[in-house]
Amino acid sequence: MSDNFDPRGFKLTIEEIHNEMEVNPHYPYNLQSGWLPESGHPGLRKFFTMILEKAPKDYAPCIKALDEMFEKSPVLNFLLESACKENLNILASTKMSHEKVHIPRIKDKETLLNGFNHILTHAPAFVDDALVGLPFSAFVVGIDPSLSGSELFRMPEFNKRMSDILNVWNEFLDTEASNVGFRVEGKQWLSPAAKKQYDFPVWKKDSEELPYWKSWNSFFTRQFKNRDVSRPIADPDSNKTVICPNDGSLFRWRPKIAREQVFWYKDMSYSLSDILSSPIEEQQEAIEKHRLVDIFEGGYIFQTYLNPYNFHRWWVPVNGKVMFDPVTIPGCFFNKLVLPDYAGATTASLPYLAQVNARGLIVFKTEDYGHVCCIPLGMSEVSSVAFDADMKEGATVKKGQEMGTFNYGGSSFVIIYEKLKDKKLEFVNAEGKKYDMNPPLPSGSSGTGGEVTLIGSQIGVWRDL
């Protein structure tokens, strides 16, 4: 079956893809998973204005370090200057004017750094009832559609500095100052529309009075009042029934995962040697020691994406043992394969991101159904991965046990299953309905697509051959 698809779930040939691009100028850049408003939305335009009109102030140390990196690296400085020039070209193009797509004018390094500096002390918020859940990503959309910007966002030095910046931002999201969106009933995250999106009544709060949660991260990592009622575990004592480790929606699934693949613009295949790799020597040694690529070659992959209202914890999907201490692999934050992607939150590039972005890696070994690999995957600035302290090498685990959490991180989750010689994995829900390999994908602000998957629910069954 072809790996090519369109957002409506149809499988396309290369010729059909190019035909679609001719008649639909937005294809396939308008996959909206709920983190950002549509690119022409007045709320997004207002957000850009708010950031660009902020008066300059002293840089935080992490922003100063990014500034110094540009000063010391002629290559990175050249890429940024080129991206700023290309940003002007994009804004001036008749195509952009015709499509009414709005992006901010990033005219120079100071504009970019000032924007980052101000965002450091702002939590994800609604602007004119439109959620800007990825403020850093929303801001860099002014340069990431450019070739130079795309190249800059792949550079290890840049991503190291961005990691430091996002760690500081995450520290702010742990503070009381970050809960501003929960202080007024009926507004921001407490508006009727937002409460409906994340089902306000089912969650534990830090307090039953305003502001309910002590910080943004406290809300983001909230727990159910009664998890057994809200998210029961399917067939808890048997690994024959495969369960989802996270809330989300299905992006795609694939059998027969190849050891190595080449990425093309419209043909994003999964490559185990890239997914299961790390630039950190000790992590790569552990991956090679346990022969992970050999174990999972020819297996199955199931990838979901999360929207900002989802439950952002993950639970163990099998009964078994932890193969080795889980690792958090550094990677890119704003890199995309599918360009341009104006306010799409990179959803169109998900398979590619599984191989280049910041991500976690943990493997479980079962006695009866092989190995299962879980990869909590960061997208843009939502990239903080924290494994539970009990997830240690040799630990015995049960289905539904707490595995970890996204501390304002993780917009996708990848599960890889070992190929078994005497069994076949069928991806079906509890009603026996088969999951489409290419389900309909999100095209609006609801961001759920066509196949919602809930943590603990059945997503597959092992069949004997």
Foldseek 3Di string as FASTA:
>chain_A
DALFAFQAQDRDDPVVQVVCCVVDVCPPQQFAQQQFAGQLDPQLVVLLVVLQPDDADDADPLLVVLVVVLVVDVLLVVLQQVLLVVLVVCVPDVVCVVVNGDAHRPNHPVSLSSSLRVCLQEAFWTGVNRTNRFSNLSNCLSRCLDPSNLVSLQDPVNLVSVVVSLVSSLVNQPAQSALVQQADACGICNNPVNCVLQVVPQWQFPDPDPSRHSGNLCVQQTDGPDCCVVFNADPFVDPQFWAFFFWFAWAFKDFQQACADDDDLRRQGAHVVQLCAAPDPVSRVVSVVVVVSVQQGRWMKTKGFHHSSTNFFTWDGAWFFWAAQKDWGAFGANHESHHDNRRNLRSVRVSVQSRGHTWIWTKGQHPPFGIKIKIQGWYHSQRAWFFDPQNHHGRGGTTGHTGTGRSSTGGMMMMGGGDDPFKDKFFAFPVRHGDRRRFNGHNRNSNRGDGTHHRSTGGIGIDTD
